[in-house]
Amino acid sequence: RALALYTRRGFVEYGRNPRGFLSCVSGYQELVYMRRELDAPAARVGT
């Protein structure tokens, strides 16, 4: 559900961690890293 929501909102996968979480219920949980580019300045002004 969450993956579908984030994809609909323009987030894209850029990597995975197969042992991202260690759940006491289900063992290792793979994490999907996602990002979305925004229309904002790319660098701090004045830096």
All heavy atoms as atom14 arrays in JSON, in Angstrom:
{
  "sequence": "RALALYTRRGFVEYGRNPRGFLSCVSGYQELVYMRRELDAPAARVGT",
  "atom14_mask": [
    [1, 1, 1, 1, 1, 1, 1, 1, 1, 1, 1, 0, 0, 0],
    [1, 1, 1, 1, 1, 0, 0, 0, 0, 0, 0, 0, 0, 0],
    [1, 1, 1, 1, 1, 1, 1, 1, 0, 0, 0, 0, 0, 0],
    [1, 1, 1, 1, 1, 0, 0, 0, 0, 0, 0, 0, 0, 0],
    [1, 1, 1, 1, 1, 1, 1, 1, 0, 0, 0, 0, 0, 0],
    [1, 1, 1, 1, 1, 1, 1, 1, 1, 1, 1, 1, 0, 0],
    [1, 1, 1, 1, 1, 1, 1, 0, 0, 0, 0, 0, 0, 0],
    [1, 1, 1, 1, 1, 1, 1, 1, 1, 1, 1, 0, 0, 0],
    [1, 1, 1, 1, 1, 1, 1, 1, 1, 1, 1, 0, 0, 0],
    [1, 1, 1, 1, 0, 0, 0, 0, 0, 0, 0, 0, 0, 0],
    [1, 1, 1, 1, 1, 1, 1, 1, 1, 1, 1, 0, 0, 0],
    [1, 1, 1, 1, 1, 1, 1, 0, 0, 0, 0, 0, 0, 0],
    [1, 1, 1, 1, 1, 1, 1, 1, 1, 0, 0, 0, 0, 0],
    [1, 1, 1, 1, 1, 1, 1, 1, 1, 1, 1, 1, 0, 0],
    [1, 1, 1, 1, 0, 0, 0, 0, 0, 0, 0, 0, 0, 0],
    [1, 1, 1, 1, 1, 1, 1, 1, 1, 1, 1, 0, 0, 0],
    [1, 1, 1, 1, 1, 1, 1, 1, 0, 0, 0, 0, 0, 0],
    [1, 1, 1, 1, 1, 1, 1, 0, 0, 0, 0, 0, 0, 0],
    [1, 1, 1, 1, 1, 1, 1, 1, 1, 1, 1, 0, 0, 0],
    [1, 1, 1, 1, 0, 0, 0, 0, 0, 0, 0, 0, 0, 0],
    [1, 1, 1, 1, 1, 1, 1, 1, 1, 1, 1, 0, 0, 0],
    [1, 1, 1, 1, 1, 1, 1, 1, 0, 0, 0, 0, 0, 0],
    [1, 1, 1, 1, 1, 1, 0, 0, 0, 0, 0, 0, 0, 0],
    [1, 1, 1, 1, 1, 1, 0, 0, 0, 0, 0, 0, 0, 0],
    [1, 1, 1, 1, 1, 1, 1, 0, 0, 0, 0, 0, 0, 0],
    [1, 1, 1, 1, 1, 1, 0, 0, 0, 0, 0, 0, 0, 0],
    [1, 1, 1, 1, 0, 0, 0, 0, 0, 0, 0, 0, 0, 0],
    [1, 1, 1, 1, 1, 1, 1, 1, 1, 1, 1, 1, 0, 0],
    [1, 1, 1, 1, 1, 1, 1, 1, 1, 0, 0, 0, 0, 0],
    [1, 1, 1, 1, 1, 1, 1, 1, 1, 0, 0, 0, 0, 0],
    [1, 1, 1, 1, 1, 1, 1, 1, 0, 0, 0, 0, 0, 0],
    [1, 1, 1, 1, 1, 1, 1, 0, 0, 0, 0, 0, 0, 0],
    [1, 1, 1, 1, 1, 1, 1, 1, 1, 1, 1, 1, 0, 0],
    [1, 1, 1, 1, 1, 1, 1, 1, 0, 0, 0, 0, 0, 0],
    [1, 1, 1, 1, 1, 1, 1, 1, 1, 1, 1, 0, 0, 0],
    [1, 1, 1, 1, 1, 1, 1, 1, 1, 1, 1, 0, 0, 0],
    [1, 1, 1, 1, 1, 1, 1, 1, 1, 0, 0, 0, 0, 0],
    [1, 1, 1, 1, 1, 1, 1, 1, 0, 0, 0, 0, 0, 0],
    [1, 1, 1, 1, 1, 1, 1, 1, 0, 0, 0, 0, 0, 0],
    [1, 1, 1, 1, 1, 0, 0, 0, 0, 0, 0, 0, 0, 0],
    [1, 1, 1, 1, 1, 1, 1, 0, 0, 0, 0, 0, 0, 0],
    [1, 1, 1, 1, 1, 0, 0, 0, 0, 0, 0, 0, 0, 0],
    [1, 1, 1, 1, 1, 0, 0, 0, 0, 0, 0, 0, 0, 0],
    [1, 1, 1, 1, 1, 1, 1, 1, 1, 1, 1, 0, 0, 0],
    [1, 1, 1, 1, 1, 1, 1, 0, 0, 0, 0, 0, 0, 0],
    [1, 1, 1, 1, 0, 0, 0, 0, 0, 0, 0, 0, 0, 0],
    [1, 1, 1, 1, 1, 1, 1, 0, 0, 0, 0, 0, 0, 0]
  ],
  "atom14_positions": [
    [[0.84, -1.21, 0.0], [0.0, 0.0, 0.0], [0.87, 1.25, 0.0], [0.62, 2.2, -0.76], [-0.88, 0.04, 1.24], [-2.02, -0.89, 1.28], [-2.73, -0.74, 2.64], [-3.79, 0.23, 2.56], [-5.06, -0.11, 2.43], [-5.41, -1.37, 2.39], [-5.98, 0.81, 2.36], [0.0, 0.0, 0.0], [0.0, 0.0, 0.0], [0.0, 0.0, 0.0]],
    [[1.85, 1.27, 0.88], [2.71, 2.44, 0.99], [3.55, 2.63, -0.27], [3.68, 3.75, -0.77], [3.61, 2.33, 2.22], [0.0, 0.0, 0.0], [0.0, 0.0, 0.0], [0.0, 0.0, 0.0], [0.0, 0.0, 0.0], [0.0, 0.0, 0.0], [0.0, 0.0, 0.0], [0.0, 0.0, 0.0], [0.0, 0.0, 0.0], [0.0, 0.0, 0.0]],
    [[4.1, 1.53, -0.79], [4.88, 1.63, -2.03], [4.05, 2.21, -3.17], [4.52, 3.07, -3.92], [5.43, 0.26, -2.43], [6.65, -0.22, -1.65], [6.89, -1.71, -1.9], [7.87, 0.59, -2.01], [0.0, 0.0, 0.0], [0.0, 0.0, 0.0], [0.0, 0.0, 0.0], [0.0, 0.0, 0.0], [0.0, 0.0, 0.0], [0.0, 0.0, 0.0]],
    [[2.81, 1.76, -3.29], [1.93, 2.27, -4.34], [1.63, 3.76, -4.13], [1.66, 4.55, -5.08], [0.64, 1.46, -4.38], [0.0, 0.0, 0.0], [0.0, 0.0, 0.0], [0.0, 0.0, 0.0], [0.0, 0.0, 0.0], [0.0, 0.0, 0.0], [0.0, 0.0, 0.0], [0.0, 0.0, 0.0], [0.0, 0.0, 0.0], [0.0, 0.0, 0.0]],
    [[1.37, 4.15, -2.89], [1.1, 5.55, -2.57], [2.29, 6.43, -2.94], [2.14, 7.44, -3.63], [0.78, 5.7, -1.08], [0.77, 7.13, -0.53], [-0.33, 7.95, -1.17], [0.62, 7.11, 0.99], [0.0, 0.0, 0.0], [0.0, 0.0, 0.0], [0.0, 0.0, 0.0], [0.0, 0.0, 0.0], [0.0, 0.0, 0.0], [0.0, 0.0, 0.0]],
    [[3.47, 6.04, -2.49], [4.65, 6.87, -2.75], [4.95, 6.93, -4.25], [5.32, 7.99, -4.76], [5.86, 6.34, -1.98], [5.65, 6.32, -0.48], [6.07, 5.24, 0.29], [5.03, 7.38, 0.18], [5.88, 5.22, 1.66], [4.83, 7.36, 1.55], [5.25, 6.28, 2.28], [5.06, 6.26, 3.64], [0.0, 0.0, 0.0], [0.0, 0.0, 0.0]],
    [[4.77, 5.84, -4.96], [5.0, 5.84, -6.4], [4.03, 6.78, -7.09], [4.41, 7.55, -7.98], [4.9, 4.41, -6.96], [5.89, 3.59, -6.31], [5.13, 4.38, -8.46], [0.0, 0.0, 0.0], [0.0, 0.0, 0.0], [0.0, 0.0, 0.0], [0.0, 0.0, 0.0], [0.0, 0.0, 0.0], [0.0, 0.0, 0.0], [0.0, 0.0, 0.0]],
    [[2.75, 6.75, -6.69], [1.75, 7.66, -7.27], [2.11, 9.12, -7.0], [1.75, 10.0, -7.79], [0.36, 7.38, -6.69], [-0.32, 6.17, -7.24], [-1.81, 6.1, -6.88], [-2.08, 6.23, -5.46], [-2.12, 5.21, -4.59], [-1.9, 3.98, -5.01], [-2.39, 5.43, -3.32], [0.0, 0.0, 0.0], [0.0, 0.0, 0.0], [0.0, 0.0, 0.0]],
    [[2.81, 9.38, -5.91], [3.19, 10.75, -5.56], [4.54, 11.14, -6.13], [5.11, 12.17, -5.77], [3.19, 10.94, -4.04], [1.8, 10.84, -3.37], [0.78, 11.69, -4.1], [-0.42, 11.98, -3.35], [-1.56, 11.27, -3.44], [-1.64, 10.21, -4.2], [-2.62, 11.65, -2.75], [0.0, 0.0, 0.0], [0.0, 0.0, 0.0], [0.0, 0.0, 0.0]],
    [[5.1, 10.34, -7.02], [6.32, 10.73, -7.73], [7.62, 10.28, -7.1], [8.7, 10.68, -7.57], [0.0, 0.0, 0.0], [0.0, 0.0, 0.0], [0.0, 0.0, 0.0], [0.0, 0.0, 0.0], [0.0, 0.0, 0.0], [0.0, 0.0, 0.0], [0.0, 0.0, 0.0], [0.0, 0.0, 0.0], [0.0, 0.0, 0.0], [0.0, 0.0, 0.0]],
    [[7.57, 9.46, -6.07], [8.8, 8.94, -5.48], [9.32, 7.77, -6.32], [8.53, 6.99, -6.85], [8.55, 8.46, -4.04], [8.37, 9.58, -3.06], [7.13, 10.19, -2.9], [9.44, 10.02, -2.29], [6.96, 11.23, -1.99], [9.28, 11.05, -1.38], [8.02, 11.66, -1.23], [0.0, 0.0, 0.0], [0.0, 0.0, 0.0], [0.0, 0.0, 0.0]],
    [[10.63, 7.68, -6.44], [11.25, 6.6, -7.2], [12.25, 5.87, -6.3], [12.88, 6.47, -5.42], [11.96, 7.1, -8.48], [10.96, 7.68, -9.47], [13.03, 8.12, -8.16], [0.0, 0.0, 0.0], [0.0, 0.0, 0.0], [0.0, 0.0, 0.0], [0.0, 0.0, 0.0], [0.0, 0.0, 0.0], [0.0, 0.0, 0.0], [0.0, 0.0, 0.0]],
    [[12.36, 4.58, -6.53], [13.3, 3.77, -5.76], [14.73, 4.08, -6.2], [15.02, 4.21, -7.38], [13.0, 2.29, -5.99], [13.94, 1.35, -5.28], [13.64, -0.12, -5.53], [12.48, -0.46, -5.82], [14.6, -0.92, -5.45], [0.0, 0.0, 0.0], [0.0, 0.0, 0.0], [0.0, 0.0, 0.0], [0.0, 0.0, 0.0], [0.0, 0.0, 0.0]],
    [[15.64, 4.16, -5.21], [17.05, 4.34, -5.56], [17.96, 3.32, -4.87], [19.17, 3.37, -5.0], [17.53, 5.77, -5.28], [17.61, 6.17, -3.83], [18.79, 5.99, -3.11], [16.52, 6.73, -3.18], [18.88, 6.37, -1.78], [16.61, 7.11, -1.85], [17.78, 6.93, -1.16], [17.86, 7.3, 0.17], [0.0, 0.0, 0.0], [0.0, 0.0, 0.0]],
    [[17.37, 2.36, -4.16], [18.18, 1.33, -3.54], [17.37, 0.51, -2.55], [16.22, 0.84, -2.24], [0.0, 0.0, 0.0], [0.0, 0.0, 0.0], [0.0, 0.0, 0.0], [0.0, 0.0, 0.0], [0.0, 0.0, 0.0], [0.0, 0.0, 0.0], [0.0, 0.0, 0.0], [0.0, 0.0, 0.0], [0.0, 0.0, 0.0], [0.0, 0.0, 0.0]],
    [[18.0, -0.57, -2.07], [17.35, -1.45, -1.1], [18.38, -1.92, -0.07], [19.55, -2.04, -0.37], [16.73, -2.66, -1.78], [15.52, -2.3, -2.63], [14.83, -3.52, -3.17], [13.65, -3.1, -3.92], [12.46, -3.65, -3.81], [12.27, -4.68, -3.0], [11.44, -3.21, -4.52], [0.0, 0.0, 0.0], [0.0, 0.0, 0.0], [0.0, 0.0, 0.0]],
    [[17.87, -2.19, 1.11], [18.67, -2.78, 2.17], [17.94, -4.04, 2.61], [16.92, -3.96, 3.29], [18.83, -1.81, 3.34], [19.69, -2.38, 4.45], [19.97, -3.57, 4.5], [20.12, -1.5, 5.35], [0.0, 0.0, 0.0], [0.0, 0.0, 0.0], [0.0, 0.0, 0.0], [0.0, 0.0, 0.0], [0.0, 0.0, 0.0], [0.0, 0.0, 0.0]],
    [[18.43, -5.23, 2.24], [17.72, -6.47, 2.54], [17.6, -6.77, 4.02], [16.74, -7.55, 4.43], [18.53, -7.55, 1.82], [19.81, -6.93, 1.42], [19.65, -5.45, 1.46], [0.0, 0.0, 0.0], [0.0, 0.0, 0.0], [0.0, 0.0, 0.0], [0.0, 0.0, 0.0], [0.0, 0.0, 0.0], [0.0, 0.0, 0.0], [0.0, 0.0, 0.0]],
    [[18.43, -6.15, 4.85], [18.35, -6.34, 6.3], [18.14, -4.99, 6.99], [18.77, -4.7, 8.0], [19.61, -7.01, 6.82], [19.76, -8.45, 6.36], [20.99, -9.06, 6.94], [20.99, -10.51, 6.72], [21.68, -11.36, 7.45], [22.44, -10.93, 8.44], [21.64, -12.65, 7.2], [0.0, 0.0, 0.0], [0.0, 0.0, 0.0], [0.0, 0.0, 0.0]],
    [[17.25, -4.18, 6.44], [17.03, -2.84, 6.96], [16.45, -2.81, 8.35], [16.87, -2.03, 9.2], [0.0, 0.0, 0.0], [0.0, 0.0, 0.0], [0.0, 0.0, 0.0], [0.0, 0.0, 0.0], [0.0, 0.0, 0.0], [0.0, 0.0, 0.0], [0.0, 0.0, 0.0], [0.0, 0.0, 0.0], [0.0, 0.0, 0.0], [0.0, 0.0, 0.0]],
    [[15.43, -3.62, 8.6], [14.84, -3.78, 9.93], [15.0, -5.23, 10.34], [15.03, -6.12, 9.5], [13.34, -3.46, 9.92], [12.97, -2.01, 9.75], [11.65, -1.67, 9.45], [13.88, -0.98, 9.88], [11.27, -0.36, 9.3], [13.51, 0.34, 9.73], [12.19, 0.66, 9.44], [0.0, 0.0, 0.0], [0.0, 0.0, 0.0], [0.0, 0.0, 0.0]],
    [[15.05, -5.45, 11.65], [15.0, -6.81, 12.19], [13.77, -6.88, 13.08], [13.77, -6.41, 14.2], [16.27, -7.15, 12.97], [16.31, -8.54, 13.61], [16.04, -9.64, 12.59], [17.64, -8.77, 14.3], [0.0, 0.0, 0.0], [0.0, 0.0, 0.0], [0.0, 0.0, 0.0], [0.0, 0.0, 0.0], [0.0, 0.0, 0.0], [0.0, 0.0, 0.0]],
    [[12.71, -7.46, 12.54], [11.43, -7.54, 13.23], [11.39, -8.75, 14.15], [11.81, -9.85, 13.76], [10.31, -7.64, 12.2], [9.1, -8.04, 12.79], [0.0, 0.0, 0.0], [0.0, 0.0, 0.0], [0.0, 0.0, 0.0], [0.0, 0.0, 0.0], [0.0, 0.0, 0.0], [0.0, 0.0, 0.0], [0.0, 0.0, 0.0], [0.0, 0.0, 0.0]],
    [[10.82, -8.57, 15.34], [10.64, -9.71, 16.24], [9.48, -10.59, 15.77], [9.31, -11.7, 16.26], [10.43, -9.24, 17.67], [8.9, -8.36, 17.95], [0.0, 0.0, 0.0], [0.0, 0.0, 0.0], [0.0, 0.0, 0.0], [0.0, 0.0, 0.0], [0.0, 0.0, 0.0], [0.0, 0.0, 0.0], [0.0, 0.0, 0.0], [0.0, 0.0, 0.0]],
    [[8.72, -10.12, 14.79], [7.59, -10.89, 14.25], [7.99, -11.65, 12.98], [7.71, -12.84, 12.85], [6.41, -9.94, 13.92], [5.27, -10.7, 13.24], [5.92, -9.23, 15.17], [0.0, 0.0, 0.0], [0.0, 0.0, 0.0], [0.0, 0.0, 0.0], [0.0, 0.0, 0.0], [0.0, 0.0, 0.0], [0.0, 0.0, 0.0], [0.0, 0.0, 0.0]],
    [[8.67, -10.95, 12.07], [8.92, -11.55, 10.75], [10.38, -11.68, 10.37], [10.69, -12.05, 9.24], [8.18, -10.73, 9.68], [8.61, -9.39, 9.71], [0.0, 0.0, 0.0], [0.0, 0.0, 0.0], [0.0, 0.0, 0.0], [0.0, 0.0, 0.0], [0.0, 0.0, 0.0], [0.0, 0.0, 0.0], [0.0, 0.0, 0.0], [0.0, 0.0, 0.0]],
    [[11.29, -11.38, 11.27], [12.71, -11.46, 10.94], [13.16, -10.23, 10.17], [12.62, -9.15, 10.32], [0.0, 0.0, 0.0], [0.0, 0.0, 0.0], [0.0, 0.0, 0.0], [0.0, 0.0, 0.0], [0.0, 0.0, 0.0], [0.0, 0.0, 0.0], [0.0, 0.0, 0.0], [0.0, 0.0, 0.0], [0.0, 0.0, 0.0], [0.0, 0.0, 0.0]],
    [[14.17, -10.43, 9.32], [14.69, -9.29, 8.55], [13.63, -8.77, 7.59], [12.94, -9.53, 6.92], [15.94, -9.69, 7.77], [17.15, -9.85, 8.64], [17.71, -11.1, 8.86], [17.74, -8.75, 9.25], [18.82, -11.25, 9.67], [18.85, -8.88, 10.08], [19.38, -10.14, 10.28], [20.48, -10.28, 11.08], [0.0, 0.0, 0.0], [0.0, 0.0, 0.0]],
    [[13.54, -7.44, 7.52], [12.63, -6.78, 6.6], [13.46, -5.92, 5.65], [14.29, -5.12, 6.09], [11.64, -5.89, 7.34], [10.66, -6.65, 8.22], [9.79, -5.7, 9.03], [10.29, -4.87, 9.77], [8.49, -5.84, 8.87], [0.0, 0.0, 0.0], [0.0, 0.0, 0.0], [0.0, 0.0, 0.0], [0.0, 0.0, 0.0], [0.0, 0.0, 0.0]],
    [[13.23, -6.11, 4.37], [13.94, -5.33, 3.36], [13.36, -3.92, 3.3], [12.15, -3.73, 3.26], [13.8, -6.0, 1.99], [14.52, -5.26, 0.89], [14.45, -6.01, -0.43], [13.32, -6.26, -0.9], [15.52, -6.33, -0.97], [0.0, 0.0, 0.0], [0.0, 0.0, 0.0], [0.0, 0.0, 0.0], [0.0, 0.0, 0.0], [0.0, 0.0, 0.0]],
    [[14.25, -2.93, 3.3], [13.84, -1.54, 3.15], [14.07, -1.06, 1.73], [15.12, -1.33, 1.14], [14.62, -0.63, 4.11], [14.28, -0.73, 5.58], [15.13, 0.24, 6.38], [12.81, -0.48, 5.82], [0.0, 0.0, 0.0], [0.0, 0.0, 0.0], [0.0, 0.0, 0.0], [0.0, 0.0, 0.0], [0.0, 0.0, 0.0], [0.0, 0.0, 0.0]],
    [[13.08, -0.37, 1.19], [13.2, 0.28, -0.11], [13.46, 1.75, 0.15], [12.71, 2.4, 0.89], [11.9, 0.11, -0.93], [12.02, 0.81, -2.28], [11.55, -1.36, -1.11], [0.0, 0.0, 0.0], [0.0, 0.0, 0.0], [0.0, 0.0, 0.0], [0.0, 0.0, 0.0], [0.0, 0.0, 0.0], [0.0, 0.0, 0.0], [0.0, 0.0, 0.0]],
    [[14.54, 2.28, -0.41], [14.86, 3.69, -0.3], [14.25, 4.41, -1.5], [14.47, 4.02, -2.65], [16.37, 3.91, -0.28], [17.05, 3.27, 0.91], [17.97, 2.24, 0.74], [16.76, 3.67, 2.21], [18.59, 1.64, 1.82], [17.37, 3.08, 3.29], [18.29, 2.07, 3.09], [18.88, 1.48, 4.17], [0.0, 0.0, 0.0], [0.0, 0.0, 0.0]],
    [[13.47, 5.45, -1.21], [12.79, 6.2, -2.27], [13.08, 7.69, -2.11], [13.35, 8.16, -1.0], [11.28, 5.94, -2.23], [10.91, 4.47, -2.36], [9.11, 4.2, -2.44], [8.83, 4.53, -4.2], [0.0, 0.0, 0.0], [0.0, 0.0, 0.0], [0.0, 0.0, 0.0], [0.0, 0.0, 0.0], [0.0, 0.0, 0.0], [0.0, 0.0, 0.0]],
    [[13.01, 8.39, -3.22], [13.22, 9.83, -3.19], [12.35, 10.5, -4.24], [11.93, 9.87, -5.21], [14.69, 10.18, -3.43], [15.16, 9.88, -4.83], [16.65, 10.2, -5.0], [17.06, 9.99, -6.36], [16.96, 10.91, -7.33], [16.48, 12.1, -7.07], [17.35, 10.64, -8.56], [0.0, 0.0, 0.0], [0.0, 0.0, 0.0], [0.0, 0.0, 0.0]],
    [[12.09, 11.76, -4.02], [11.36, 12.58, -4.99], [12.09, 13.9, -5.11], [12.38, 14.56, -4.11], [9.92, 12.82, -4.54], [9.2, 13.7, -5.54], [7.83, 14.11, -5.07], [7.43, 15.29, -5.82], [6.23, 15.49, -6.27], [5.29, 14.6, -6.06], [5.94, 16.59, -6.94], [0.0, 0.0, 0.0], [0.0, 0.0, 0.0], [0.0, 0.0, 0.0]],
    [[12.37, 14.27, -6.35], [12.99, 15.57, -6.59], [11.92, 16.64, -6.51], [10.79, 16.44, -6.94], [13.69, 15.6, -7.95], [14.89, 14.67, -7.99], [15.64, 14.69, -9.31], [15.37, 15.57, -10.16], [16.52, 13.82, -9.48], [0.0, 0.0, 0.0], [0.0, 0.0, 0.0], [0.0, 0.0, 0.0], [0.0, 0.0, 0.0], [0.0, 0.0, 0.0]],
    [[12.29, 17.79, -5.93], [11.36, 18.9, -5.74], [11.83, 20.11, -6.53], [13.01, 20.26, -6.82], [11.28, 19.26, -4.25], [10.92, 18.12, -3.3], [11.07, 18.57, -1.86], [9.51, 17.62, -3.57], [0.0, 0.0, 0.0], [0.0, 0.0, 0.0], [0.0, 0.0, 0.0], [0.0, 0.0, 0.0], [0.0, 0.0, 0.0], [0.0, 0.0, 0.0]],
    [[10.9, 20.99, -6.83], [11.23, 22.24, -7.51], [11.67, 23.27, -6.49], [10.92, 24.14, -6.08], [10.02, 22.76, -8.28], [9.59, 21.81, -9.39], [10.48, 21.17, -9.97], [8.39, 21.72, -9.67], [0.0, 0.0, 0.0], [0.0, 0.0, 0.0], [0.0, 0.0, 0.0], [0.0, 0.0, 0.0], [0.0, 0.0, 0.0], [0.0, 0.0, 0.0]],
    [[12.91, 23.12, -6.03], [13.46, 24.02, -5.02], [14.94, 24.23, -5.33], [15.55, 23.44, -6.06], [13.3, 23.42, -3.63], [0.0, 0.0, 0.0], [0.0, 0.0, 0.0], [0.0, 0.0, 0.0], [0.0, 0.0, 0.0], [0.0, 0.0, 0.0], [0.0, 0.0, 0.0], [0.0, 0.0, 0.0], [0.0, 0.0, 0.0], [0.0, 0.0, 0.0]],
    [[15.53, 25.29, -4.8], [16.96, 25.53, -5.04], [17.81, 24.33, -4.64], [17.52, 23.67, -3.66], [17.27, 26.73, -4.16], [15.95, 27.39, -3.92], [14.93, 26.29, -3.94], [0.0, 0.0, 0.0], [0.0, 0.0, 0.0], [0.0, 0.0, 0.0], [0.0, 0.0, 0.0], [0.0, 0.0, 0.0], [0.0, 0.0, 0.0], [0.0, 0.0, 0.0]],
    [[18.85, 24.08, -5.42], [19.7, 22.91, -5.18], [20.84, 23.18, -4.21], [21.51, 22.27, -3.79], [20.26, 22.4, -6.5], [0.0, 0.0, 0.0], [0.0, 0.0, 0.0], [0.0, 0.0, 0.0], [0.0, 0.0, 0.0], [0.0, 0.0, 0.0], [0.0, 0.0, 0.0], [0.0, 0.0, 0.0], [0.0, 0.0, 0.0], [0.0, 0.0, 0.0]],
    [[21.08, 24.43, -3.87], [22.2, 24.74, -2.98], [21.81, 25.89, -2.06], [20.97, 26.71, -2.41], [23.44, 25.11, -3.79], [0.0, 0.0, 0.0], [0.0, 0.0, 0.0], [0.0, 0.0, 0.0], [0.0, 0.0, 0.0], [0.0, 0.0, 0.0], [0.0, 0.0, 0.0], [0.0, 0.0, 0.0], [0.0, 0.0, 0.0], [0.0, 0.0, 0.0]],
    [[22.44, 25.93, -0.93], [22.17, 26.99, 0.03], [22.66, 28.32, -0.53], [23.81, 28.44, -0.95], [22.87, 26.67, 1.34], [22.49, 27.63, 2.46], [23.25, 27.39, 3.71], [23.24, 25.99, 4.1], [23.45, 25.58, 5.33], [23.69, 26.44, 6.28], [23.46, 24.31, 5.62], [0.0, 0.0, 0.0], [0.0, 0.0, 0.0], [0.0, 0.0, 0.0]],
    [[21.8, 29.31, -0.54], [22.17, 30.63, -1.04], [23.23, 31.23, -0.13], [23.11, 31.18, 1.1], [20.93, 31.55, -1.09], [21.31, 32.95, -1.54], [19.88, 30.96, -2.03], [0.0, 0.0, 0.0], [0.0, 0.0, 0.0], [0.0, 0.0, 0.0], [0.0, 0.0, 0.0], [0.0, 0.0, 0.0], [0.0, 0.0, 0.0], [0.0, 0.0, 0.0]],
    [[24.28, 31.77, -0.72], [25.31, 32.42, 0.05], [26.4, 31.48, 0.56], [27.33, 31.94, 1.21], [0.0, 0.0, 0.0], [0.0, 0.0, 0.0], [0.0, 0.0, 0.0], [0.0, 0.0, 0.0], [0.0, 0.0, 0.0], [0.0, 0.0, 0.0], [0.0, 0.0, 0.0], [0.0, 0.0, 0.0], [0.0, 0.0, 0.0], [0.0, 0.0, 0.0]],
    [[26.31, 30.21, 0.26], [27.31, 29.28, 0.72], [28.5, 29.31, -0.24], [28.32, 29.2, -1.45], [26.74, 27.85, 0.79], [25.66, 27.86, 1.7], [27.79, 26.86, 1.23], [0.0, 0.0, 0.0], [0.0, 0.0, 0.0], [0.0, 0.0, 0.0], [0.0, 0.0, 0.0], [0.0, 0.0, 0.0], [0.0, 0.0, 0.0], [0.0, 0.0, 0.0]]
  ]
}
